[in-house]
Amino acid sequence: CAVQGFFFTFGIYAMYSYNAMLCIYYTCAIALKMKERNIRRLVEPTLHLFPLAVGITTAVPPLFYNLYNPSAWESWCTYEPLGCGGDDGILSEICVPGELRLFQIALVLCLALLGLFFFIIITALIMICASVVKVSRQYLVI
């Protein structure tokens, strides 16, 4: 389950991050009118390294804190070890969820990261749309 959770977490955050980086690339090319040579030299290395770094930094810490555990009712992962979500609501010392507080902190940080990606994507698309509207207005004048 740790492998499944690692690759799922890495894939999800790297995917959203790559989408945001693609929007930044289009913003540089369309809205900022950067030359392709400058984009390749200055921007593109960061656009490839950032998603990989985000994916690794979000997927590795749960490995160290045992936050990837099998779920009893589906082929998925949960923060709670098997047999520890008892119906009686009492958790023994060996069934303390994989650092529940750390899980909650990680969840908040990951949601903030997704919010950042959403902000980057929306901002980039607004800049691109504004640039296209500006150019189209110039063509209408001509």
C-alpha atoms as a PDB file:
ATOM      1  CA  CYS A   1       0.000   0.000   0.000  1.00  0.00           C
ATOM      2  CA  ALA A   2       2.916   2.322   0.649  1.00  0.00           C
ATOM      3  CA  VAL A   3       4.029   1.969  -2.968  1.00  0.00           C
ATOM      4  CA  GLN A   4       0.505   2.580  -4.261  1.00  0.00           C
ATOM      5  CA  GLY A   5       0.052   5.607  -2.011  1.00  0.00           C
ATOM      6  CA  PHE A   6       3.467   6.997  -2.926  1.00  0.00           C
ATOM      7  CA  PHE A   7       2.932   6.756  -6.670  1.00  0.00           C
ATOM      8  CA  PHE A   8      -0.640   8.033  -6.474  1.00  0.00           C
ATOM      9  CA  THR A   9       0.366  11.042  -4.387  1.00  0.00           C
ATOM     10  CA  PHE A  10       3.406  11.728  -6.557  1.00  0.00           C
ATOM     11  CA  GLY A  11       1.338  11.431  -9.735  1.00  0.00           C
ATOM     12  CA  ILE A  12      -1.514  13.651  -8.579  1.00  0.00           C
ATOM     13  CA  TYR A  13       0.654  16.518  -7.356  1.00  0.00           C
ATOM     14  CA  ALA A  14       3.108  16.285 -10.250  1.00  0.00           C
ATOM     15  CA  MET A  15       0.168  16.309 -12.698  1.00  0.00           C
ATOM     16  CA  TYR A  16      -1.470  19.405 -11.198  1.00  0.00           C
ATOM     17  CA  SER A  17       1.909  21.076 -10.972  1.00  0.00           C
ATOM     18  CA  TYR A  18       2.691  20.304 -14.629  1.00  0.00           C
ATOM     19  CA  ASN A  19      -0.687  21.768 -15.616  1.00  0.00           C
ATOM     20  CA  ALA A  20       0.187  24.966 -13.749  1.00  0.00           C
ATOM     21  CA  MET A  21       3.644  25.047 -15.350  1.00  0.00           C
ATOM     22  CA  LEU A  22       2.115  24.586 -18.793  1.00  0.00           C
ATOM     23  CA  CYS A  23      -0.080  27.617 -18.123  1.00  0.00           C
ATOM     24  CA  ILE A  24       3.034  29.567 -17.113  1.00  0.00           C
ATOM     25  CA  TYR A  25       4.714  28.501 -20.361  1.00  0.00           C
ATOM     26  CA  TYR A  26       1.762  29.737 -22.407  1.00  0.00           C
ATOM     27  CA  THR A  27       1.703  32.961 -20.406  1.00  0.00           C
ATOM     28  CA  CYS A  28       5.363  33.553 -21.179  1.00  0.00           C
ATOM     29  CA  ALA A  29       4.845  32.788 -24.865  1.00  0.00           C
ATOM     30  CA  ILE A  30       1.526  34.569 -25.465  1.00  0.00           C
ATOM     31  CA  ALA A  31       0.954  37.236 -22.821  1.00  0.00           C
ATOM     32  CA  LEU A  32       4.562  38.200 -22.093  1.00  0.00           C
ATOM     33  CA  LYS A  33       5.685  37.628 -25.725  1.00  0.00           C
ATOM     34  CA  MET A  34       8.967  36.018 -24.741  1.00  0.00           C
ATOM     35  CA  LYS A  35      11.079  34.528 -27.497  1.00  0.00           C
ATOM     36  CA  GLU A  36      11.178  30.734 -27.668  1.00  0.00           C
ATOM     37  CA  ARG A  37      14.959  30.752 -27.188  1.00  0.00           C
ATOM     38  CA  ASN A  38      14.627  32.723 -23.938  1.00  0.00           C
ATOM     39  CA  ILE A  39      11.831  30.489 -22.693  1.00  0.00           C
ATOM     40  CA  ARG A  40      13.921  27.375 -23.329  1.00  0.00           C
ATOM     41  CA  ARG A  41      16.982  28.857 -21.671  1.00  0.00           C
ATOM     42  CA  LEU A  42      15.457  30.676 -18.700  1.00  0.00           C
ATOM     43  CA  VAL A  43      12.013  29.292 -17.920  1.00  0.00           C
ATOM     44  CA  GLU A  44      11.769  25.721 -19.175  1.00  0.00           C
ATOM     45  CA  PRO A  45      14.266  24.077 -16.768  1.00  0.00           C
ATOM     46  CA  THR A  46      12.254  25.400 -13.836  1.00  0.00           C
ATOM     47  CA  LEU A  47       9.005  24.309 -15.459  1.00  0.00           C
ATOM     48  CA  HIS A  48      10.296  20.719 -15.540  1.00  0.00           C
ATOM     49  CA  LEU A  49      12.068  20.586 -12.180  1.00  0.00           C
ATOM     50  CA  PHE A  50       9.337  22.214 -10.083  1.00  0.00           C
ATOM     51  CA  PRO A  51       6.645  19.540 -10.710  1.00  0.00           C
ATOM     52  CA  LEU A  52       9.094  16.736  -9.964  1.00  0.00           C
ATOM     53  CA  ALA A  53      10.170  18.445  -6.743  1.00  0.00           C
ATOM     54  CA  VAL A  54       6.554  19.033  -5.715  1.00  0.00           C
ATOM     55  CA  GLY A  55       5.635  15.413  -6.426  1.00  0.00           C
ATOM     56  CA  ILE A  56       8.556  14.063  -4.424  1.00  0.00           C
ATOM     57  CA  THR A  57       8.124  16.432  -1.482  1.00  0.00           C
ATOM     58  CA  THR A  58       4.439  15.573  -1.152  1.00  0.00           C
ATOM     59  CA  ALA A  59       4.858  11.822  -1.576  1.00  0.00           C
ATOM     60  CA  VAL A  60       7.953  11.043   0.516  1.00  0.00           C
ATOM     61  CA  PRO A  61       7.075  12.384   4.020  1.00  0.00           C
ATOM     62  CA  PRO A  62       4.008  10.118   4.395  1.00  0.00           C
ATOM     63  CA  LEU A  63       6.361   7.158   3.886  1.00  0.00           C
ATOM     64  CA  PHE A  64       8.362   8.120   6.963  1.00  0.00           C
ATOM     65  CA  TYR A  65       5.300   8.690   9.139  1.00  0.00           C
ATOM     66  CA  ASN A  66       3.395   5.564   8.032  1.00  0.00           C
ATOM     67  CA  LEU A  67       0.523   7.535   6.547  1.00  0.00           C
ATOM     68  CA  TYR A  68       0.005   5.040   3.728  1.00  0.00           C
ATOM     69  CA  ASN A  69      -2.031   2.152   5.194  1.00  0.00           C
ATOM     70  CA  PRO A  70      -4.361  -0.353   3.520  1.00  0.00           C
ATOM     71  CA  SER A  71      -8.066   0.211   3.779  1.00  0.00           C
ATOM     72  CA  ALA A  72     -10.247  -2.732   4.782  1.00  0.00           C
ATOM     73  CA  TRP A  73     -13.170  -1.913   2.518  1.00  0.00           C
ATOM     74  CA  GLU A  74     -11.460  -0.930  -0.758  1.00  0.00           C
ATOM     75  CA  SER A  75      -8.153  -1.175  -2.521  1.00  0.00           C
ATOM     76  CA  TRP A  76      -7.031   2.188  -1.309  1.00  0.00           C
ATOM     77  CA  CYS A  77      -4.889   3.786   1.366  1.00  0.00           C
ATOM     78  CA  THR A  78      -5.847   5.542   4.549  1.00  0.00           C
ATOM     79  CA  TYR A  79      -3.959   7.075   7.464  1.00  0.00           C
ATOM     80  CA  GLU A  80      -5.451   4.562   9.907  1.00  0.00           C
ATOM     81  CA  PRO A  81      -3.823   1.106  10.268  1.00  0.00           C
ATOM     82  CA  LEU A  82      -6.085  -1.916   9.714  1.00  0.00           C
ATOM     83  CA  GLY A  83      -8.209  -2.843  12.694  1.00  0.00           C
ATOM     84  CA  CYS A  84      -7.773   0.486  14.418  1.00  0.00           C
ATOM     85  CA  GLY A  85     -11.014   2.196  13.524  1.00  0.00           C
ATOM     86  CA  GLY A  86     -12.889  -0.001  15.971  1.00  0.00           C
ATOM     87  CA  ASP A  87     -16.612   0.248  16.472  1.00  0.00           C
ATOM     88  CA  ASP A  88     -16.123   0.877  20.178  1.00  0.00           C
ATOM     89  CA  GLY A  89     -14.211   4.083  19.411  1.00  0.00           C
ATOM     90  CA  ILE A  90     -11.322   3.081  21.671  1.00  0.00           C
ATOM     91  CA  LEU A  91      -7.844   3.017  20.156  1.00  0.00           C
ATOM     92  CA  SER A  92      -5.091   1.064  21.847  1.00  0.00           C
ATOM     93  CA  GLU A  93      -1.523   2.355  21.988  1.00  0.00           C
ATOM     94  CA  ILE A  94      -0.472   0.170  19.068  1.00  0.00           C
ATOM     95  CA  CYS A  95      -3.375   1.471  17.017  1.00  0.00           C
ATOM     96  CA  VAL A  96      -2.593   5.155  17.275  1.00  0.00           C
ATOM     97  CA  PRO A  97      -3.153   6.348  13.719  1.00  0.00           C
ATOM     98  CA  GLY A  98       0.004   7.103  11.767  1.00  0.00           C
ATOM     99  CA  GLU A  99       0.709  10.390  13.420  1.00  0.00           C
ATOM    100  CA  LEU A 100      -2.804  11.785  12.956  1.00  0.00           C
ATOM    101  CA  ARG A 101      -1.669  15.336  13.683  1.00  0.00           C
ATOM    102  CA  LEU A 102       1.015  15.106  11.002  1.00  0.00           C
ATOM    103  CA  PHE A 103      -1.594  13.744   8.618  1.00  0.00           C
ATOM    104  CA  GLN A 104      -3.834  16.729   9.281  1.00  0.00           C
ATOM    105  CA  ILE A 105      -0.935  19.143   8.762  1.00  0.00           C
ATOM    106  CA  ALA A 106       0.040  17.379   5.548  1.00  0.00           C
ATOM    107  CA  LEU A 107      -3.559  17.528   4.355  1.00  0.00           C
ATOM    108  CA  VAL A 108      -3.746  21.283   4.952  1.00  0.00           C
ATOM    109  CA  LEU A 109      -0.412  21.849   3.191  1.00  0.00           C
ATOM    110  CA  CYS A 110      -1.447  19.731   0.213  1.00  0.00           C
ATOM    111  CA  LEU A 111      -4.765  21.565  -0.082  1.00  0.00           C
ATOM    112  CA  ALA A 112      -2.884  24.878   0.074  1.00  0.00           C
ATOM    113  CA  LEU A 113      -0.599  23.622  -2.683  1.00  0.00           C
ATOM    114  CA  LEU A 114      -3.585  22.711  -4.844  1.00  0.00           C
ATOM    115  CA  GLY A 115      -5.011  26.174  -4.144  1.00  0.00           C
ATOM    116  CA  LEU A 116      -1.729  27.704  -5.312  1.00  0.00           C
ATOM    117  CA  PHE A 117      -1.890  25.690  -8.534  1.00  0.00           C
ATOM    118  CA  PHE A 118      -5.479  26.814  -9.074  1.00  0.00           C
ATOM    119  CA  PHE A 119      -4.423  30.443  -8.535  1.00  0.00           C
ATOM    120  CA  ILE A 120      -1.510  30.090 -10.991  1.00  0.00           C
ATOM    121  CA  ILE A 121      -3.746  28.543 -13.643  1.00  0.00           C
ATOM    122  CA  ILE A 122      -6.501  31.157 -13.294  1.00  0.00           C
ATOM    123  CA  THR A 123      -4.022  34.056 -13.255  1.00  0.00           C
ATOM    124  CA  ALA A 124      -2.181  32.714 -16.302  1.00  0.00           C
ATOM    125  CA  LEU A 125      -5.392  32.235 -18.255  1.00  0.00           C
ATOM    126  CA  ILE A 126      -6.603  35.743 -17.361  1.00  0.00           C
ATOM    127  CA  MET A 127      -3.290  37.181 -18.584  1.00  0.00           C
ATOM    128  CA  ILE A 128      -3.524  35.196 -21.823  1.00  0.00           C
ATOM    129  CA  CYS A 129      -7.134  36.248 -22.419  1.00  0.00           C
ATOM    130  CA  ALA A 130      -6.288  39.896 -21.744  1.00  0.00           C
ATOM    131  CA  SER A 131      -3.413  39.709 -24.204  1.00  0.00           C
ATOM    132  CA  VAL A 132      -5.589  38.113 -26.898  1.00  0.00           C
ATOM    133  CA  VAL A 133      -8.353  40.710 -26.390  1.00  0.00           C
ATOM    134  CA  LYS A 134      -5.791  43.515 -26.628  1.00  0.00           C
ATOM    135  CA  VAL A 135      -4.378  42.150 -29.899  1.00  0.00           C
ATOM    136  CA  SER A 136      -7.827  41.576 -31.358  1.00  0.00           C
ATOM    137  CA  ARG A 137      -8.815  45.175 -30.539  1.00  0.00           C
ATOM    138  CA  GLN A 138      -5.690  46.400 -32.305  1.00  0.00           C
ATOM    139  CA  TYR A 139      -6.680  44.404 -35.406  1.00  0.00           C
ATOM    140  CA  LEU A 140     -10.184  45.881 -35.287  1.00  0.00           C
ATOM    141  CA  VAL A 141      -8.686  49.378 -35.341  1.00  0.00           C
ATOM    142  CA  ILE A 142      -6.574  48.492 -38.364  1.00  0.00           C
END
